[in-house]
Amino acid sequence: MKIYDLTEGNNPLIISIPHAGTFVPDNIKERFTDTALNLPDTDWHVGKLYNDFAKENNATLLQANYSRYVIDLNRPPDNTALYPGQTKVSLCPDKTFDGQDIYKNALEPDTEEVTQRLKAYWHPYHDEIENQITRTIKKHGYAVLYDAHSIRSIVPRLFDGQLPDLNIGTADGKSCNQTIAKAAFDAAQKSSYSAVLNGRFIGGYITRRYGQPEEGVHALQMELTQSNYMNEDSFTYDETRAARLKPALEIILHAITNNAGTGIKPKPV
């Protein structure tokens, strides 16, 4: 199994999808509980929401193939908490979002195995992000990294109540030029969906690590509620709901790319 699938484009936009993978190696899968085998915390079908846009607009699309239960590509390699004071989602998770065990009989990975997974799965994905940013900056003078995610609309262990439909994160304004962030949020607010900027999800490791506006790299995270494009209980894709959501996402992506050069001092090439 390839670590990721990559389609290179010539647009300044790079779409990263780190949590939609479902592949688990047999030596890991055999230690999973029945609950974990269903991979309930997967960002199900996110690629389907963005594939058409990426092809039609010549954007780069990078999608991981391995499950986030193998290793979470949106967590720092030293496993520090992204949201101190809130429930921690670990680099190699041992609990589902609902707090159920992922591994049976205390068979979670030890330090050596975590290190091996970092080398085998985490670093290749991040190396490719860096490669694509470097390539895009060389061509355009800047790059926009859009980190695409989804989550169940109600997860009491992680947040109170029901999550807004469109959750845009820019690390509280640190990872992205404000012109781009405003354009994305304005477009989201004009849609029929509820939206928030830097609410419960301000962006994970990918957004915070690579978003360096002063260096010409502008990163945003989009966290979608899954109820707007799929059945959250069966994990099945809902074509009708998705058909309503995709145009809203495309308007947001166009707003990002149309404003990507505004107010940005291009990095010298």
C-alpha atoms as a PDB file:
ATOM      1  CA  MET A   1       0.000   0.000   0.000  1.00  0.00           C
ATOM      2  CA  LYS A   2       1.317   3.438  -0.953  1.00  0.00           C
ATOM      3  CA  ILE A   3       1.704   5.882   1.944  1.00  0.00           C
ATOM      4  CA  TYR A   4      -0.286   8.471   0.029  1.00  0.00           C
ATOM      5  CA  ASP A   5      -1.774   9.352  -3.333  1.00  0.00           C
ATOM      6  CA  LEU A   6      -0.559  12.519  -5.009  1.00  0.00           C
ATOM      7  CA  THR A   7      -1.837  14.485  -7.982  1.00  0.00           C
ATOM      8  CA  GLU A   8       0.349  17.492  -8.741  1.00  0.00           C
ATOM      9  CA  GLY A   9      -1.241  20.652 -10.094  1.00  0.00           C
ATOM     10  CA  ASN A  10       0.025  24.035 -11.243  1.00  0.00           C
ATOM     11  CA  ASN A  11      -2.343  26.089  -9.105  1.00  0.00           C
ATOM     12  CA  PRO A  12      -0.857  27.688  -5.932  1.00  0.00           C
ATOM     13  CA  LEU A  13      -3.364  25.624  -3.912  1.00  0.00           C
ATOM     14  CA  ILE A  14      -2.278  22.390  -2.192  1.00  0.00           C
ATOM     15  CA  ILE A  15      -5.100  20.299  -0.682  1.00  0.00           C
ATOM     16  CA  SER A  16      -3.952  17.913   2.048  1.00  0.00           C
ATOM     17  CA  ILE A  17      -6.226  15.108   3.294  1.00  0.00           C
ATOM     18  CA  PRO A  18      -4.394  13.342   6.144  1.00  0.00           C
ATOM     19  CA  HIS A  19      -7.226  11.473   7.890  1.00  0.00           C
ATOM     20  CA  ALA A  20      -9.316   9.803   5.164  1.00  0.00           C
ATOM     21  CA  GLY A  21      -7.118   6.703   4.887  1.00  0.00           C
ATOM     22  CA  THR A  22      -8.515   3.338   5.946  1.00  0.00           C
ATOM     23  CA  PHE A  23      -5.608   0.930   5.481  1.00  0.00           C
ATOM     24  CA  VAL A  24      -4.229  -0.781   8.604  1.00  0.00           C
ATOM     25  CA  PRO A  25      -1.348  -3.298   8.392  1.00  0.00           C
ATOM     26  CA  ASP A  26      -2.256  -6.787   9.576  1.00  0.00           C
ATOM     27  CA  ASN A  27       0.216  -6.748  12.467  1.00  0.00           C
ATOM     28  CA  ILE A  28      -1.586  -3.706  13.862  1.00  0.00           C
ATOM     29  CA  LYS A  29      -5.130  -4.676  12.897  1.00  0.00           C
ATOM     30  CA  GLU A  30      -4.912  -7.999  14.744  1.00  0.00           C
ATOM     31  CA  ARG A  31      -4.512  -6.063  18.013  1.00  0.00           C
ATOM     32  CA  PHE A  32      -7.550  -3.821  17.459  1.00  0.00           C
ATOM     33  CA  THR A  33     -10.796  -4.101  19.374  1.00  0.00           C
ATOM     34  CA  ASP A  34     -13.990  -4.733  17.438  1.00  0.00           C
ATOM     35  CA  THR A  35     -14.869  -1.051  17.803  1.00  0.00           C
ATOM     36  CA  ALA A  36     -11.527   0.077  16.404  1.00  0.00           C
ATOM     37  CA  LEU A  37     -11.816  -2.237  13.404  1.00  0.00           C
ATOM     38  CA  ASN A  38     -14.693  -0.051  12.189  1.00  0.00           C
ATOM     39  CA  LEU A  39     -12.333   2.980  12.142  1.00  0.00           C
ATOM     40  CA  PRO A  40     -15.096   5.278  13.446  1.00  0.00           C
ATOM     41  CA  ASP A  41     -12.923   8.405  13.613  1.00  0.00           C
ATOM     42  CA  THR A  42     -11.934   8.357   9.953  1.00  0.00           C
ATOM     43  CA  ASP A  43     -12.524  11.522   7.905  1.00  0.00           C
ATOM     44  CA  TRP A  44     -14.785   9.472   5.675  1.00  0.00           C
ATOM     45  CA  HIS A  45     -15.071  10.279   1.943  1.00  0.00           C
ATOM     46  CA  VAL A  46     -13.356  13.666   2.210  1.00  0.00           C
ATOM     47  CA  GLY A  47     -11.489  13.022  -1.018  1.00  0.00           C
ATOM     48  CA  LYS A  48     -14.796  12.729  -2.887  1.00  0.00           C
ATOM     49  CA  LEU A  49     -15.682  16.264  -1.823  1.00  0.00           C
ATOM     50  CA  TYR A  50     -12.516  17.791  -3.277  1.00  0.00           C
ATOM     51  CA  ASN A  51     -11.427  15.554  -6.160  1.00  0.00           C
ATOM     52  CA  ASP A  52     -13.513  17.293  -8.823  1.00  0.00           C
ATOM     53  CA  PHE A  53     -12.400  20.759  -7.751  1.00  0.00           C
ATOM     54  CA  ALA A  54      -8.749  19.738  -7.722  1.00  0.00           C
ATOM     55  CA  LYS A  55      -8.982  18.291 -11.236  1.00  0.00           C
ATOM     56  CA  GLU A  56     -10.970  21.155 -12.718  1.00  0.00           C
ATOM     57  CA  ASN A  57      -8.782  23.849 -11.162  1.00  0.00           C
ATOM     58  CA  ASN A  58      -5.396  22.162 -11.456  1.00  0.00           C
ATOM     59  CA  ALA A  59      -4.782  22.135  -7.702  1.00  0.00           C
ATOM     60  CA  THR A  60      -2.415  19.701  -6.013  1.00  0.00           C
ATOM     61  CA  LEU A  61      -4.141  16.933  -4.040  1.00  0.00           C
ATOM     62  CA  LEU A  62      -2.302  14.877  -1.422  1.00  0.00           C
ATOM     63  CA  GLN A  63      -4.255  12.142   0.380  1.00  0.00           C
ATOM     64  CA  ALA A  64      -2.994   9.667   2.985  1.00  0.00           C
ATOM     65  CA  ASN A  65      -3.933   5.999   2.601  1.00  0.00           C
ATOM     66  CA  TYR A  66      -3.191   4.733   6.110  1.00  0.00           C
ATOM     67  CA  SER A  67      -5.677   5.111   8.958  1.00  0.00           C
ATOM     68  CA  ARG A  68      -5.148   7.768  11.583  1.00  0.00           C
ATOM     69  CA  TYR A  69      -5.217   4.877  14.084  1.00  0.00           C
ATOM     70  CA  VAL A  70      -1.877   3.746  12.645  1.00  0.00           C
ATOM     71  CA  ILE A  71      -0.445   7.224  13.181  1.00  0.00           C
ATOM     72  CA  ASP A  72      -2.052  10.646  13.235  1.00  0.00           C
ATOM     73  CA  LEU A  73      -0.404  12.783  10.569  1.00  0.00           C
ATOM     74  CA  ASN A  74      -1.909  15.951  12.035  1.00  0.00           C
ATOM     75  CA  ARG A  75      -0.160  15.577  15.403  1.00  0.00           C
ATOM     76  CA  PRO A  76       3.378  16.711  16.271  1.00  0.00           C
ATOM     77  CA  PRO A  77       6.078  14.036  16.195  1.00  0.00           C
ATOM     78  CA  ASP A  78       6.882  14.605  19.874  1.00  0.00           C
ATOM     79  CA  ASN A  79       3.200  13.920  20.759  1.00  0.00           C
ATOM     80  CA  THR A  80       2.671  17.216  22.597  1.00  0.00           C
ATOM     81  CA  ALA A  81      -0.949  18.276  23.062  1.00  0.00           C
ATOM     82  CA  LEU A  82      -2.386  20.574  20.392  1.00  0.00           C
ATOM     83  CA  TYR A  83      -5.177  21.808  22.647  1.00  0.00           C
ATOM     84  CA  PRO A  84      -3.851  21.954  26.231  1.00  0.00           C
ATOM     85  CA  GLY A  85      -6.577  21.514  28.828  1.00  0.00           C
ATOM     86  CA  GLN A  86      -8.824  19.565  26.460  1.00  0.00           C
ATOM     87  CA  THR A  87      -9.014  15.862  25.659  1.00  0.00           C
ATOM     88  CA  LYS A  88      -5.798  14.873  23.907  1.00  0.00           C
ATOM     89  CA  VAL A  89      -5.769  12.919  20.658  1.00  0.00           C
ATOM     90  CA  SER A  90      -2.395  11.193  20.588  1.00  0.00           C
ATOM     91  CA  LEU A  91       0.103  10.627  17.793  1.00  0.00           C
ATOM     92  CA  CYS A  92      -0.692   6.897  17.940  1.00  0.00           C
ATOM     93  CA  PRO A  93      -4.162   6.925  19.489  1.00  0.00           C
ATOM     94  CA  ASP A  94      -5.153   4.345  22.084  1.00  0.00           C
ATOM     95  CA  LYS A  95      -8.723   5.653  22.514  1.00  0.00           C
ATOM     96  CA  THR A  96     -11.452   6.475  20.021  1.00  0.00           C
ATOM     97  CA  PHE A  97     -13.055   9.916  20.095  1.00  0.00           C
ATOM     98  CA  ASP A  98     -15.747   8.364  22.286  1.00  0.00           C
ATOM     99  CA  GLY A  99     -13.145   7.108  24.774  1.00  0.00           C
ATOM    100  CA  GLN A 100     -13.275   3.427  23.849  1.00  0.00           C
ATOM    101  CA  ASP A 101     -10.141   1.296  23.645  1.00  0.00           C
ATOM    102  CA  ILE A 102      -8.501   0.945  20.246  1.00  0.00           C
ATOM    103  CA  TYR A 103      -6.228  -1.915  21.341  1.00  0.00           C
ATOM    104  CA  LYS A 104      -7.290  -5.051  23.163  1.00  0.00           C
ATOM    105  CA  ASN A 105      -5.426  -6.465  26.158  1.00  0.00           C
ATOM    106  CA  ALA A 106      -3.135  -3.434  26.539  1.00  0.00           C
ATOM    107  CA  LEU A 107      -1.435  -4.131  23.200  1.00  0.00           C
ATOM    108  CA  GLU A 108      -0.945  -0.462  22.273  1.00  0.00           C
ATOM    109  CA  PRO A 109       2.379   0.442  20.634  1.00  0.00           C
ATOM    110  CA  ASP A 110       5.426   1.034  22.811  1.00  0.00           C
ATOM    111  CA  THR A 111       7.961   3.805  22.272  1.00  0.00           C
ATOM    112  CA  GLU A 112       9.990   1.765  19.801  1.00  0.00           C
ATOM    113  CA  GLU A 113       6.945   0.957  17.684  1.00  0.00           C
ATOM    114  CA  VAL A 114       5.805   4.589  17.674  1.00  0.00           C
ATOM    115  CA  THR A 115       9.262   5.574  16.431  1.00  0.00           C
ATOM    116  CA  GLN A 116       9.009   2.971  13.672  1.00  0.00           C
ATOM    117  CA  ARG A 117       5.592   4.260  12.619  1.00  0.00           C
ATOM    118  CA  LEU A 118       6.909   7.817  12.513  1.00  0.00           C
ATOM    119  CA  LYS A 119       9.649   6.724  10.148  1.00  0.00           C
ATOM    120  CA  ALA A 120       7.437   4.518   7.996  1.00  0.00           C
ATOM    121  CA  TYR A 121       4.273   6.632   7.685  1.00  0.00           C
ATOM    122  CA  TRP A 122       4.482  10.086   9.273  1.00  0.00           C
ATOM    123  CA  HIS A 123       7.729  11.412   7.824  1.00  0.00           C
ATOM    124  CA  PRO A 124       7.007  10.412   4.197  1.00  0.00           C
ATOM    125  CA  TYR A 125       3.718  12.324   4.226  1.00  0.00           C
ATOM    126  CA  HIS A 126       5.283  15.417   5.737  1.00  0.00           C
ATOM    127  CA  ASP A 127       8.269  15.205   3.419  1.00  0.00           C
ATOM    128  CA  GLU A 128       5.826  15.327   0.519  1.00  0.00           C
ATOM    129  CA  ILE A 129       4.008  18.346   1.954  1.00  0.00           C
ATOM    130  CA  GLU A 130       7.361  20.114   2.137  1.00  0.00           C
ATOM    131  CA  ASN A 131       8.223  19.025  -1.405  1.00  0.00           C
ATOM    132  CA  GLN A 132       4.949  20.391  -2.750  1.00  0.00           C
ATOM    133  CA  ILE A 133       5.288  23.671  -0.882  1.00  0.00           C
ATOM    134  CA  THR A 134       8.823  24.117  -2.207  1.00  0.00           C
ATOM    135  CA  ARG A 135       7.709  23.315  -5.755  1.00  0.00           C
ATOM    136  CA  THR A 136       4.726  25.661  -5.559  1.00  0.00           C
ATOM    137  CA  ILE A 137       6.712  28.554  -4.113  1.00  0.00           C
ATOM    138  CA  LYS A 138       9.316  28.121  -6.823  1.00  0.00           C
ATOM    139  CA  LYS A 139       6.592  28.435  -9.463  1.00  0.00           C
ATOM    140  CA  HIS A 140       4.335  31.100  -7.928  1.00  0.00           C
ATOM    141  CA  GLY A 141       6.326  32.819  -5.198  1.00  0.00           C
ATOM    142  CA  TYR A 142       3.856  31.599  -2.552  1.00  0.00           C
ATOM    143  CA  ALA A 143       1.707  28.587  -1.675  1.00  0.00           C
ATOM    144  CA  VAL A 144      -1.680  28.043  -0.030  1.00  0.00           C
ATOM    145  CA  LEU A 145      -2.061  24.820   1.958  1.00  0.00           C
ATOM    146  CA  TYR A 146      -5.668  23.764   2.631  1.00  0.00           C
ATOM    147  CA  ASP A 147      -5.843  20.934   5.164  1.00  0.00           C
ATOM    148  CA  ALA A 148      -9.150  19.108   4.659  1.00  0.00           C
ATOM    149  CA  HIS A 149     -10.873  17.276   7.534  1.00  0.00           C
ATOM    150  CA  SER A 150     -14.251  16.116   8.772  1.00  0.00           C
ATOM    151  CA  ILE A 151     -15.739  14.909  12.050  1.00  0.00           C
ATOM    152  CA  ARG A 152     -19.042  13.795  13.506  1.00  0.00           C
ATOM    153  CA  SER A 153     -21.236  16.747  14.381  1.00  0.00           C
ATOM    154  CA  ILE A 154     -21.611  15.653  18.010  1.00  0.00           C
ATOM    155  CA  VAL A 155     -18.645  14.243  19.968  1.00  0.00           C
ATOM    156  CA  PRO A 156     -19.214  15.033  23.670  1.00  0.00           C
ATOM    157  CA  ARG A 157     -15.732  13.904  24.713  1.00  0.00           C
ATOM    158  CA  LEU A 158     -14.119  16.474  22.403  1.00  0.00           C
ATOM    159  CA  PHE A 159     -16.521  19.422  22.394  1.00  0.00           C
ATOM    160  CA  ASP A 160     -19.833  20.603  23.843  1.00  0.00           C
ATOM    161  CA  GLY A 161     -23.045  20.585  21.843  1.00  0.00           C
ATOM    162  CA  GLN A 162     -23.166  20.404  18.070  1.00  0.00           C
ATOM    163  CA  LEU A 163     -20.275  21.639  15.954  1.00  0.00           C
ATOM    164  CA  PRO A 164     -20.906  24.299  13.287  1.00  0.00           C
ATOM    165  CA  ASP A 165     -21.004  22.972   9.727  1.00  0.00           C
ATOM    166  CA  LEU A 166     -17.868  24.706   8.435  1.00  0.00           C
ATOM    167  CA  ASN A 167     -14.978  25.158  10.860  1.00  0.00           C
ATOM    168  CA  ILE A 168     -12.105  27.187   9.416  1.00  0.00           C
ATOM    169  CA  GLY A 169      -8.853  27.351  11.376  1.00  0.00           C
ATOM    170  CA  THR A 170      -5.850  29.603  10.855  1.00  0.00           C
ATOM    171  CA  ALA A 171      -4.079  29.048  14.195  1.00  0.00           C
ATOM    172  CA  ASP A 172      -5.816  32.144  15.558  1.00  0.00           C
ATOM    173  CA  GLY A 173      -4.570  34.175  12.606  1.00  0.00           C
ATOM    174  CA  LYS A 174      -0.949  33.036  12.735  1.00  0.00           C
ATOM    175  CA  SER A 175      -0.894  30.557   9.826  1.00  0.00           C
ATOM    176  CA  CYS A 176      -2.496  32.600   7.076  1.00  0.00           C
ATOM    177  CA  ASN A 177      -2.602  36.083   5.615  1.00  0.00           C
ATOM    178  CA  GLN A 178      -5.727  37.834   6.891  1.00  0.00           C
ATOM    179  CA  THR A 179      -6.918  38.652   3.375  1.00  0.00           C
ATOM    180  CA  ILE A 180      -7.134  34.953   2.552  1.00  0.00           C
ATOM    181  CA  ALA A 181      -8.691  34.050   5.886  1.00  0.00           C
ATOM    182  CA  LYS A 182     -11.335  36.766   5.542  1.00  0.00           C
ATOM    183  CA  ALA A 183     -12.160  35.732   1.994  1.00  0.00           C
ATOM    184  CA  ALA A 184     -12.615  32.105   3.067  1.00  0.00           C
ATOM    185  CA  PHE A 185     -14.772  32.979   6.072  1.00  0.00           C
ATOM    186  CA  ASP A 186     -16.888  35.521   4.180  1.00  0.00           C
ATOM    187  CA  ALA A 187     -17.616  32.892   1.525  1.00  0.00           C
ATOM    188  CA  ALA A 188     -18.516  30.347   4.206  1.00  0.00           C
ATOM    189  CA  GLN A 189     -20.871  32.786   5.931  1.00  0.00           C
ATOM    190  CA  LYS A 190     -22.676  33.488   2.657  1.00  0.00           C
ATOM    191  CA  SER A 191     -23.443  29.801   2.207  1.00  0.00           C
ATOM    192  CA  SER A 192     -26.463  28.039   3.672  1.00  0.00           C
ATOM    193  CA  TYR A 193     -24.213  26.408   6.284  1.00  0.00           C
ATOM    194  CA  SER A 194     -23.191  27.617   9.730  1.00  0.00           C
ATOM    195  CA  ALA A 195     -19.563  28.684   9.909  1.00  0.00           C
ATOM    196  CA  VAL A 196     -16.932  29.716  12.407  1.00  0.00           C
ATOM    197  CA  LEU A 197     -13.365  30.992  12.132  1.00  0.00           C
ATOM    198  CA  ASN A 198     -10.912  29.746  14.770  1.00  0.00           C
ATOM    199  CA  GLY A 199     -13.558  28.190  16.974  1.00  0.00           C
ATOM    200  CA  ARG A 200     -13.103  24.763  18.575  1.00  0.00           C
ATOM    201  CA  PHE A 201     -10.717  23.732  15.782  1.00  0.00           C
ATOM    202  CA  ILE A 202      -8.080  26.356  15.003  1.00  0.00           C
ATOM    203  CA  GLY A 203      -5.945  23.989  12.948  1.00  0.00           C
ATOM    204  CA  GLY A 204      -3.769  21.039  13.869  1.00  0.00           C
ATOM    205  CA  TYR A 205      -0.080  20.388  13.473  1.00  0.00           C
ATOM    206  CA  ILE A 206      -0.096  20.673   9.674  1.00  0.00           C
ATOM    207  CA  THR A 207      -1.700  24.122   9.708  1.00  0.00           C
ATOM    208  CA  ARG A 208       0.501  25.393  12.524  1.00  0.00           C
ATOM    209  CA  ARG A 209       3.733  23.856  11.260  1.00  0.00           C
ATOM    210  CA  TYR A 210       3.558  24.909   7.625  1.00  0.00           C
ATOM    211  CA  GLY A 211       1.579  28.131   7.809  1.00  0.00           C
ATOM    212  CA  GLN A 212       4.265  30.815   7.687  1.00  0.00           C
ATOM    213  CA  PRO A 213       2.768  33.883   6.007  1.00  0.00           C
ATOM    214  CA  GLU A 214       5.993  35.839   6.286  1.00  0.00           C
ATOM    215  CA  GLU A 215       7.648  33.109   4.192  1.00  0.00           C
ATOM    216  CA  GLY A 216       4.869  33.018   1.622  1.00  0.00           C
ATOM    217  CA  VAL A 217       3.162  29.848   2.917  1.00  0.00           C
ATOM    218  CA  HIS A 218      -0.481  30.310   3.927  1.00  0.00           C
ATOM    219  CA  ALA A 219      -2.258  27.423   5.659  1.00  0.00           C
ATOM    220  CA  LEU A 220      -5.900  26.889   6.587  1.00  0.00           C
ATOM    221  CA  GLN A 221      -7.734  23.922   8.058  1.00  0.00           C
ATOM    222  CA  MET A 222     -11.323  23.081   7.186  1.00  0.00           C
ATOM    223  CA  GLU A 223     -13.174  20.800   9.587  1.00  0.00           C
ATOM    224  CA  LEU A 224     -16.523  19.735   8.140  1.00  0.00           C
ATOM    225  CA  THR A 225     -19.354  18.149  10.062  1.00  0.00           C
ATOM    226  CA  GLN A 226     -20.029  14.776   8.480  1.00  0.00           C
ATOM    227  CA  SER A 227     -23.804  15.006   8.788  1.00  0.00           C
ATOM    228  CA  ASN A 228     -23.765  17.386   5.817  1.00  0.00           C
ATOM    229  CA  TYR A 229     -22.497  14.811   3.331  1.00  0.00           C
ATOM    230  CA  MET A 230     -22.849  11.315   4.825  1.00  0.00           C
ATOM    231  CA  ASN A 231     -24.640   9.146   7.352  1.00  0.00           C
ATOM    232  CA  GLU A 232     -22.680   9.453  10.588  1.00  0.00           C
ATOM    233  CA  ASP A 233     -23.902   6.099  11.907  1.00  0.00           C
ATOM    234  CA  SER A 234     -23.277   3.882   8.890  1.00  0.00           C
ATOM    235  CA  PHE A 235     -20.372   5.949   7.450  1.00  0.00           C
ATOM    236  CA  THR A 236     -22.018   5.816   4.026  1.00  0.00           C
ATOM    237  CA  TYR A 237     -21.674   8.659   1.550  1.00  0.00           C
ATOM    238  CA  ASP A 238     -24.893  10.576   0.848  1.00  0.00           C
ATOM    239  CA  GLU A 239     -24.884  11.798  -2.747  1.00  0.00           C
ATOM    240  CA  THR A 240     -27.786  14.199  -2.184  1.00  0.00           C
ATOM    241  CA  ARG A 241     -26.275  15.913   0.824  1.00  0.00           C
ATOM    242  CA  ALA A 242     -22.827  15.984  -0.764  1.00  0.00           C
ATOM    243  CA  ALA A 243     -24.238  17.562  -3.918  1.00  0.00           C
ATOM    244  CA  ARG A 244     -25.479  20.470  -1.801  1.00  0.00           C
ATOM    245  CA  LEU A 245     -22.225  20.842   0.141  1.00  0.00           C
ATOM    246  CA  LYS A 246     -19.687  20.640  -2.691  1.00  0.00           C
ATOM    247  CA  PRO A 247     -20.668  23.946  -4.357  1.00  0.00           C
ATOM    248  CA  ALA A 248     -20.250  25.757  -1.035  1.00  0.00           C
ATOM    249  CA  LEU A 249     -16.783  24.263  -0.602  1.00  0.00           C
ATOM    250  CA  GLU A 250     -15.867  25.178  -4.151  1.00  0.00           C
ATOM    251  CA  ILE A 251     -16.921  28.798  -3.604  1.00  0.00           C
ATOM    252  CA  ILE A 252     -14.707  28.900  -0.496  1.00  0.00           C
ATOM    253  CA  LEU A 253     -11.773  27.403  -2.393  1.00  0.00           C
ATOM    254  CA  HIS A 254     -12.236  29.872  -5.243  1.00  0.00           C
ATOM    255  CA  ALA A 255     -12.330  32.714  -2.713  1.00  0.00           C
ATOM    256  CA  ILE A 256      -9.053  31.475  -1.267  1.00  0.00           C
ATOM    257  CA  THR A 257      -7.301  31.139  -4.614  1.00  0.00           C
ATOM    258  CA  ASN A 258      -8.727  34.385  -6.028  1.00  0.00           C
ATOM    259  CA  ASN A 259      -7.372  36.301  -3.042  1.00  0.00           C
ATOM    260  CA  ALA A 260      -4.146  34.360  -2.639  1.00  0.00           C
ATOM    261  CA  GLY A 261      -2.039  37.067  -4.256  1.00  0.00           C
ATOM    262  CA  THR A 262      -3.757  39.962  -2.486  1.00  0.00           C
ATOM    263  CA  GLY A 263      -1.728  41.584   0.252  1.00  0.00           C
ATOM    264  CA  ILE A 264       0.979  38.936   0.007  1.00  0.00           C
ATOM    265  CA  LYS A 265       4.586  39.790  -0.514  1.00  0.00           C
ATOM    266  CA  PRO A 266       5.766  36.930  -2.734  1.00  0.00           C
ATOM    267  CA  LYS A 267       8.777  34.990  -1.567  1.00  0.00           C
ATOM    268  CA  PRO A 268      11.753  35.684  -3.894  1.00  0.00           C
ATOM    269  CA  VAL A 269      12.380  32.867  -6.360  1.00  0.00           C
END
